[in-house]
Amino acid sequence: MKIANIQFPKFPIALAPMEDVTDIAFRLMCREFGADLVYTEFVSSDALIRDVQKTKQKLIISEEERPVAIQIYGKEPDAMAEAAKICEEVNPDIIDINFGCPVNRVAKKGAGAGMLRTPELMLEITEKVVKAVNKPVTVKTRLGWDNDSKIIVELAERLQDCGIAALTIHGRTRAQMYTGEADWTLIGEVKNNPRMYIPIIGNGDIDSPQIAKKRFDETGVDAVMIGRASFGRPWVFREIKHFLETGEELPKESFVWYLNVLKQQVQQSIARLDERRGILHIRRHLAATPLFKGIDNFKSTRIAMLRANTLEELFEIIDEIPEKFGLK
C-alpha cells in the first residue's frame, strides 16, 4: 500500500484513532509492537481555531512514531480547512478527517458520523481540506447513518473525486454504534469497485490474527485497522504481523512478560500526565486487557487494581498477581 509518497509493507496494520486512548505514549508503544500507521486522538477543528491548549496538546507528535496521522473533526468547511492548516504546521505525515465518530456529542451535532446524513456537506469539507494543505488527506467513515441508508459505495467514489489519498471504512452504521458485528461486505464492494484506485483500509472487529488474515483474503483491502482490540493489548500488532508473514501463531510469552508491558503503559501514562491523571487514564486498558480474563477468583483483585490511586499501590497489587494466582 502507498498513501501519497508513503510506502507501507505488505499487509499493513494501523492503530485506529480513539479519544482518550491513542495519546503519544500509546501510539509509540503500538509502533514498537509493529503498528505500521498510527493516528492521534480526534481533534476538534473549532477548538483548534480557538487555540484551546488542551486540544493543541493532541498535536504533539514525535519522529519515532512516523508515519503518523492527525485526525480532525467538525462540521464547518472553512473551520475544517483552517484546522487542517494548523495541523500541517506540526508536520504530520497525513491529515485524516473523521466522518465516523458515532457518539452523541459529536454525531448529533452534525460532525463525525453525523456527516453521513449530509453527504454534500461532507464532500464540501473534504474538498476544502484537500485544497488547504499540501499533506495527503485521508477520510475515515462508516457504511451509512443507519441500515436504510448505507451509502458508502457511491460515497467512496465521490470522496475519491475530492482528492483524498486513502479511505478507511468502519463496517458499521452510525445507528449500530459499536454493537453487533461489523459488516465487511460493503467494504469489499468498495475495494473491488473498478473505479476505485485509492487504498481502502478496513476497520471493525479485527481482534485476532486469524480474523485479520480472513479480511485481507476475502475483501482484498489494502490495510486493516485495529481499535478496541488494542486496549491493554498493544502486543496484538506483533501477533497479527507474525501470523500474516508466516501463517503461524506467535508463541506465547510468559505471563510476567505481558504484565511488564502493562506496567510500562502505566509508567508512560504517568510520565505524560501526572500520577493521578495517568492512573485514571490507564484504567481503561487495565479493565479491558485480555491478560486477566479467565483467571478464577480475580474479581476482588480487579476491583482493587481499578481503585488504586497511587503508582505504589497499583504496582503492589499488580506484582502480587503471578504468585497469588500461580501464573508465570
Protein backbone atom coordinates (compact mmCIF):
# COMPACT_ATOMS: atom_id res chain seq x y z
CA MET A 1 0.00 0.00 0.00
CA LYS A 2 1.09 3.51 -0.77
CA ILE A 3 -0.55 6.69 0.59
CA ALA A 4 0.80 9.59 -1.46
CA ASN A 5 4.58 9.03 -1.17
CA ILE A 6 4.42 6.91 1.98
CA GLN A 7 5.23 3.29 1.23
CA PHE A 8 3.92 0.62 3.60
CA PRO A 9 4.93 -3.05 3.91
CA LYS A 10 2.74 -5.91 2.77
CA PHE A 11 -0.38 -6.41 4.94
CA PRO A 12 -0.21 -3.06 6.77
CA ILE A 13 -1.90 -2.73 10.15
CA ALA A 14 -3.00 0.64 11.51
CA LEU A 15 -3.88 1.76 15.02
CA ALA A 16 -7.30 3.41 14.93
CA PRO A 17 -7.76 6.95 16.23
CA MET A 18 -9.52 6.72 19.61
CA GLU A 19 -10.39 9.50 22.03
CA ASP A 20 -8.62 9.19 25.41
CA VAL A 21 -6.69 6.16 24.09
CA THR A 22 -4.29 7.00 21.28
CA ASP A 23 -2.12 9.53 23.06
CA ILE A 24 1.52 9.76 22.08
CA ALA A 25 2.70 7.21 24.67
CA PHE A 26 0.28 4.54 23.48
CA ARG A 27 1.00 5.28 19.82
CA LEU A 28 4.73 4.84 20.39
CA MET A 29 4.16 1.56 22.17
CA CYS A 30 1.96 0.25 19.37
CA ARG A 31 4.57 1.27 16.82
CA GLU A 32 7.15 -0.61 18.86
CA PHE A 33 4.98 -3.72 18.59
CA GLY A 34 4.53 -3.41 14.85
CA ALA A 35 1.73 -0.96 14.00
CA ASP A 36 2.53 0.44 10.55
CA LEU A 37 0.46 3.62 10.86
CA VAL A 38 -0.86 5.40 13.95
CA TYR A 39 -3.46 8.12 14.41
CA THR A 40 -3.85 10.77 17.07
CA GLU A 41 -6.98 11.16 19.12
CA PHE A 42 -9.51 13.17 17.12
CA VAL A 43 -9.04 16.93 17.29
CA SER A 44 -11.88 19.46 17.24
CA SER A 45 -11.49 21.98 14.44
CA ASP A 46 -13.37 24.62 16.43
CA ALA A 47 -11.17 24.13 19.50
CA LEU A 48 -8.01 24.35 17.37
CA ILE A 49 -9.10 27.64 15.87
CA ARG A 50 -9.95 28.98 19.32
CA ASP A 51 -6.42 27.99 20.39
CA VAL A 52 -7.62 25.74 23.21
CA GLN A 53 -4.39 24.48 24.77
CA LYS A 54 -5.75 21.09 25.84
CA THR A 55 -6.71 20.45 22.22
CA LYS A 56 -3.41 21.72 20.83
CA GLN A 57 -1.56 19.26 23.06
CA LYS A 58 -3.09 16.48 20.98
CA LEU A 59 -1.00 17.74 18.06
CA ILE A 60 2.25 16.72 19.74
CA ILE A 61 3.92 14.02 17.65
CA SER A 62 7.40 12.51 17.61
CA GLU A 63 9.77 11.32 14.92
CA GLU A 64 9.75 7.80 16.39
CA GLU A 65 6.05 7.24 15.66
CA ARG A 66 6.10 8.10 11.95
CA PRO A 67 4.14 7.62 9.83
CA VAL A 68 1.52 9.34 11.97
CA ALA A 69 -1.80 10.92 11.03
CA ILE A 70 -3.54 13.75 12.86
CA GLN A 71 -7.31 13.35 12.75
CA ILE A 72 -9.66 16.34 12.80
CA TYR A 73 -13.43 16.66 13.03
CA GLY A 74 -16.01 19.39 12.66
CA LYS A 75 -18.97 20.44 10.55
CA GLU A 76 -17.95 23.83 9.10
CA PRO A 77 -15.94 23.66 5.84
CA ASP A 78 -13.89 26.82 6.42
CA ALA A 79 -13.13 25.87 10.03
CA MET A 80 -12.03 22.39 8.96
CA ALA A 81 -9.76 23.83 6.28
CA GLU A 82 -8.23 26.26 8.79
CA ALA A 83 -7.76 23.48 11.34
CA ALA A 84 -6.02 21.35 8.71
CA LYS A 85 -3.56 24.21 8.10
CA ILE A 86 -2.83 24.41 11.83
CA CYS A 87 -2.20 20.66 11.89
CA GLU A 88 0.08 20.89 8.88
CA GLU A 89 2.38 23.24 10.83
CA VAL A 90 3.44 20.39 13.17
CA ASN A 91 4.34 18.27 10.13
CA PRO A 92 2.29 15.06 10.41
CA ASP A 93 2.59 12.57 7.59
CA ILE A 94 -1.16 12.51 6.95
CA ILE A 95 -4.21 14.60 7.88
CA ASP A 96 -7.28 12.46 8.41
CA ILE A 97 -10.90 13.64 8.50
CA ASN A 98 -13.24 11.99 10.98
CA PHE A 99 -16.62 11.29 9.39
CA GLY A 100 -17.21 8.21 11.52
CA CYS A 101 -17.38 9.03 15.24
CA PRO A 102 -20.83 7.83 16.41
CA VAL A 103 -21.02 9.33 19.92
CA ASN A 104 -23.93 11.68 20.55
CA ARG A 105 -21.91 14.74 21.49
CA VAL A 106 -20.28 14.63 18.05
CA ALA A 107 -22.73 12.94 15.66
CA LYS A 108 -25.91 14.57 16.97
CA LYS A 109 -24.31 17.96 16.32
CA GLY A 110 -23.68 17.03 12.69
CA ALA A 111 -19.97 16.21 12.90
CA GLY A 112 -18.27 12.79 12.79
CA ALA A 113 -20.74 10.14 11.63
CA GLY A 114 -23.41 12.87 11.64
CA MET A 115 -21.97 13.88 8.28
CA LEU A 116 -23.45 10.72 6.78
CA ARG A 117 -26.80 12.50 6.88
CA THR A 118 -25.39 15.45 4.91
CA PRO A 119 -23.10 13.88 2.28
CA GLU A 120 -22.95 17.06 0.18
CA LEU A 121 -21.54 18.96 3.15
CA MET A 122 -19.14 16.08 3.80
CA LEU A 123 -17.84 16.38 0.25
CA GLU A 124 -17.52 20.16 0.52
CA ILE A 125 -15.46 19.81 3.70
CA THR A 126 -13.27 17.14 2.13
CA GLU A 127 -12.58 19.20 -0.97
CA LYS A 128 -11.73 22.32 1.06
CA VAL A 129 -9.37 20.42 3.38
CA VAL A 130 -7.60 18.76 0.44
CA LYS A 131 -7.07 22.13 -1.23
CA ALA A 132 -5.97 23.83 2.01
CA VAL A 133 -2.91 21.66 2.71
CA ASN A 134 -0.01 20.00 0.95
CA LYS A 135 -0.12 16.89 3.12
CA PRO A 136 -2.05 13.83 1.94
CA VAL A 137 -5.61 13.91 3.26
CA THR A 138 -7.49 10.74 4.13
CA VAL A 139 -11.02 10.06 5.40
CA LYS A 140 -12.44 7.63 7.96
CA THR A 141 -16.16 6.95 7.85
CA ARG A 142 -18.88 4.29 8.24
CA LEU A 143 -21.25 2.40 5.94
CA GLY A 144 -24.01 4.95 6.40
CA TRP A 145 -26.23 6.56 9.03
CA ASP A 146 -28.47 3.52 9.50
CA ASN A 147 -29.46 0.25 7.86
CA ASP A 148 -31.69 2.05 5.36
CA SER A 149 -29.01 4.47 4.20
CA LYS A 150 -25.81 2.53 3.53
CA ILE A 151 -24.34 4.99 1.06
CA ILE A 152 -20.68 4.03 1.26
CA VAL A 153 -20.22 2.52 -2.22
CA GLU A 154 -21.29 5.66 -4.08
CA LEU A 155 -19.88 7.96 -1.40
CA ALA A 156 -16.43 6.38 -1.68
CA GLU A 157 -16.19 7.31 -5.34
CA ARG A 158 -17.23 10.88 -4.63
CA LEU A 159 -14.72 11.21 -1.78
CA GLN A 160 -12.04 9.91 -4.11
CA ASP A 161 -13.03 12.57 -6.63
CA CYS A 162 -12.37 15.20 -3.92
CA GLY A 163 -8.71 14.18 -3.95
CA ILE A 164 -8.29 12.08 -0.83
CA ALA A 165 -5.29 9.76 -0.71
CA ALA A 166 -6.94 6.83 1.11
CA LEU A 167 -10.26 5.85 2.69
CA THR A 168 -10.88 3.93 5.91
CA ILE A 169 -14.28 2.29 6.33
CA HIS A 170 -15.67 1.03 9.62
CA GLY A 171 -18.06 -1.81 8.85
CA ARG A 172 -20.97 -0.50 10.90
CA THR A 173 -23.59 2.22 10.51
CA ARG A 174 -23.79 5.08 12.94
CA ALA A 175 -27.01 3.60 14.34
CA GLN A 176 -25.11 0.46 15.31
CA MET A 177 -22.56 2.43 17.31
CA TYR A 178 -20.22 -0.44 18.35
CA THR A 179 -22.91 -3.14 18.71
CA GLY A 180 -23.46 -6.19 16.55
CA GLU A 181 -20.89 -7.50 14.12
CA ALA A 182 -19.03 -5.34 11.65
CA ASP A 183 -20.23 -5.99 8.09
CA TRP A 184 -17.28 -6.22 5.74
CA THR A 185 -19.38 -6.98 2.65
CA LEU A 186 -19.65 -3.36 1.56
CA ILE A 187 -16.01 -2.69 2.46
CA GLY A 188 -15.13 -5.41 -0.03
CA GLU A 189 -17.53 -3.94 -2.59
CA VAL A 190 -15.81 -0.57 -2.34
CA LYS A 191 -12.37 -2.14 -2.62
CA ASN A 192 -13.35 -4.19 -5.65
CA ASN A 193 -15.10 -1.34 -7.44
CA PRO A 194 -13.03 -0.96 -10.66
CA ARG A 195 -13.42 2.81 -10.43
CA MET A 196 -11.67 2.98 -7.06
CA TYR A 197 -7.90 3.41 -7.19
CA ILE A 198 -7.00 4.83 -3.77
CA PRO A 199 -6.11 2.47 -0.88
CA ILE A 200 -9.03 1.13 1.14
CA ILE A 201 -8.45 0.39 4.83
CA GLY A 202 -10.94 -1.90 6.58
CA ASN A 203 -11.92 -1.43 10.21
CA GLY A 204 -14.19 -3.29 12.61
CA ASP A 205 -13.81 -6.34 14.86
CA ILE A 206 -10.20 -7.13 13.94
CA ASP A 207 -9.29 -8.84 17.20
CA SER A 208 -7.15 -11.82 16.19
CA PRO A 209 -4.51 -12.79 13.62
CA GLN A 210 -6.96 -15.19 12.00
CA ILE A 211 -9.65 -12.55 11.54
CA ALA A 212 -7.10 -10.11 10.11
CA LYS A 213 -5.99 -12.66 7.50
CA LYS A 214 -9.59 -13.51 6.67
CA ARG A 215 -10.41 -9.86 5.98
CA PHE A 216 -7.37 -9.39 3.77
CA ASP A 217 -8.17 -12.58 1.86
CA GLU A 218 -11.90 -12.06 1.46
CA THR A 219 -12.03 -8.36 0.64
CA GLY A 220 -8.61 -7.54 -0.77
CA VAL A 221 -8.35 -4.42 1.38
CA ASP A 222 -5.02 -2.64 1.31
CA ALA A 223 -4.74 -2.49 5.11
CA VAL A 224 -6.69 -3.28 8.26
CA MET A 225 -7.19 -1.02 11.25
CA ILE A 226 -7.34 -2.14 14.88
CA GLY A 227 -9.22 -0.21 17.52
CA ARG A 228 -10.70 -1.68 20.70
CA ALA A 229 -8.70 -4.92 20.42
CA SER A 230 -5.59 -2.91 21.28
CA PHE A 231 -6.89 -1.87 24.72
CA GLY A 232 -4.48 -3.35 27.26
CA ARG A 233 -3.01 -5.39 24.45
CA PRO A 234 -0.54 -3.36 22.38
CA TRP A 235 1.24 -6.62 21.52
CA VAL A 236 -1.72 -7.54 19.27
CA PHE A 237 0.11 -5.89 16.35
CA ARG A 238 3.09 -8.16 16.85
CA GLU A 239 0.86 -11.24 16.97
CA ILE A 240 -1.04 -10.33 13.81
CA LYS A 241 2.02 -9.37 11.79
CA HIS A 242 3.76 -12.63 12.66
CA PHE A 243 0.74 -14.65 11.57
CA LEU A 244 0.33 -12.74 8.31
CA GLU A 245 4.00 -13.15 7.47
CA THR A 246 4.45 -16.79 8.50
CA GLY A 247 1.00 -18.38 8.67
CA GLU A 248 1.80 -19.48 12.21
CA GLU A 249 0.74 -18.14 15.59
CA LEU A 250 3.42 -16.33 17.54
CA PRO A 251 4.49 -18.39 20.56
CA LYS A 252 3.11 -17.02 23.81
CA GLU A 253 5.36 -15.10 26.16
CA SER A 254 5.32 -15.64 29.91
CA PHE A 255 2.51 -14.08 31.94
CA VAL A 256 5.06 -11.81 33.60
CA TRP A 257 6.23 -10.56 30.18
CA TYR A 258 2.73 -9.30 29.35
CA LEU A 259 2.34 -7.93 32.86
CA ASN A 260 5.52 -5.92 32.42
CA VAL A 261 4.15 -4.42 29.19
CA LEU A 262 1.08 -3.22 31.10
CA LYS A 263 3.32 -1.80 33.83
CA GLN A 264 5.27 0.06 31.16
CA GLN A 265 1.98 1.51 29.88
CA VAL A 266 1.18 2.72 33.39
CA GLN A 267 4.59 4.36 33.79
CA GLN A 268 4.37 6.08 30.42
CA SER A 269 0.88 7.35 31.17
CA ILE A 270 2.04 8.85 34.46
CA ALA A 271 5.14 10.37 32.85
CA ARG A 272 2.97 12.06 30.21
CA LEU A 273 0.35 13.37 32.62
CA ASP A 274 0.93 13.02 36.37
CA GLU A 275 0.32 10.26 38.90
CA ARG A 276 -3.38 10.88 39.48
CA ARG A 277 -4.40 11.59 35.89
CA GLY A 278 -2.04 8.98 34.49
CA ILE A 279 -3.61 6.24 36.60
CA LEU A 280 -7.13 7.37 35.72
CA HIS A 281 -6.18 7.35 32.03
CA ILE A 282 -4.73 3.84 32.09
CA ARG A 283 -7.66 2.21 33.89
CA ARG A 284 -9.42 1.61 30.60
CA HIS A 285 -6.53 -0.57 29.47
CA LEU A 286 -6.29 -2.43 32.78
CA ALA A 287 -10.03 -3.13 32.72
CA ALA A 288 -10.08 -4.30 29.11
CA THR A 289 -6.85 -6.29 28.83
CA PRO A 290 -7.40 -9.96 27.94
CA LEU A 291 -4.45 -10.86 30.18
CA PHE A 292 -6.66 -11.20 33.25
CA LYS A 293 -9.64 -12.87 31.57
CA GLY A 294 -10.36 -16.39 32.73
CA ILE A 295 -8.42 -16.14 35.99
CA ASP A 296 -10.51 -17.73 38.72
CA ASN A 297 -11.49 -15.54 41.68
CA PHE A 298 -9.87 -12.49 40.12
CA LYS A 299 -12.79 -10.10 40.71
CA SER A 300 -11.61 -8.63 44.01
CA THR A 301 -8.10 -8.10 42.63
CA ARG A 302 -9.52 -6.39 39.53
CA ILE A 303 -11.60 -4.05 41.69
CA ALA A 304 -8.63 -3.21 43.89
CA MET A 305 -6.46 -2.58 40.83
CA LEU A 306 -9.01 -0.21 39.32
CA ARG A 307 -9.44 1.65 42.60
CA ALA A 308 -5.73 2.20 43.24
CA ASN A 309 -4.83 5.88 43.39
CA THR A 310 -1.03 5.80 43.53
CA LEU A 311 1.65 4.09 41.47
CA GLU A 312 3.00 2.34 44.56
CA GLU A 313 -0.43 0.97 45.48
CA LEU A 314 -1.19 -0.12 41.91
CA PHE A 315 2.14 -1.85 41.33
CA GLU A 316 1.90 -3.62 44.68
CA ILE A 317 -1.38 -5.18 43.53
CA ILE A 318 -0.06 -5.99 40.05
CA ASP A 319 3.20 -7.50 41.32
CA GLU A 320 1.29 -9.89 43.62
CA ILE A 321 -0.79 -11.36 40.77
CA PRO A 322 1.66 -14.01 39.43
CA GLU A 323 2.30 -15.61 42.81
CA LYS A 324 -1.23 -15.11 44.12
CA PHE A 325 -2.79 -16.89 41.15
CA GLY A 326 0.03 -19.27 40.26
CA LEU A 327 0.91 -17.57 36.96
CA LYS A 328 4.37 -17.30 35.42
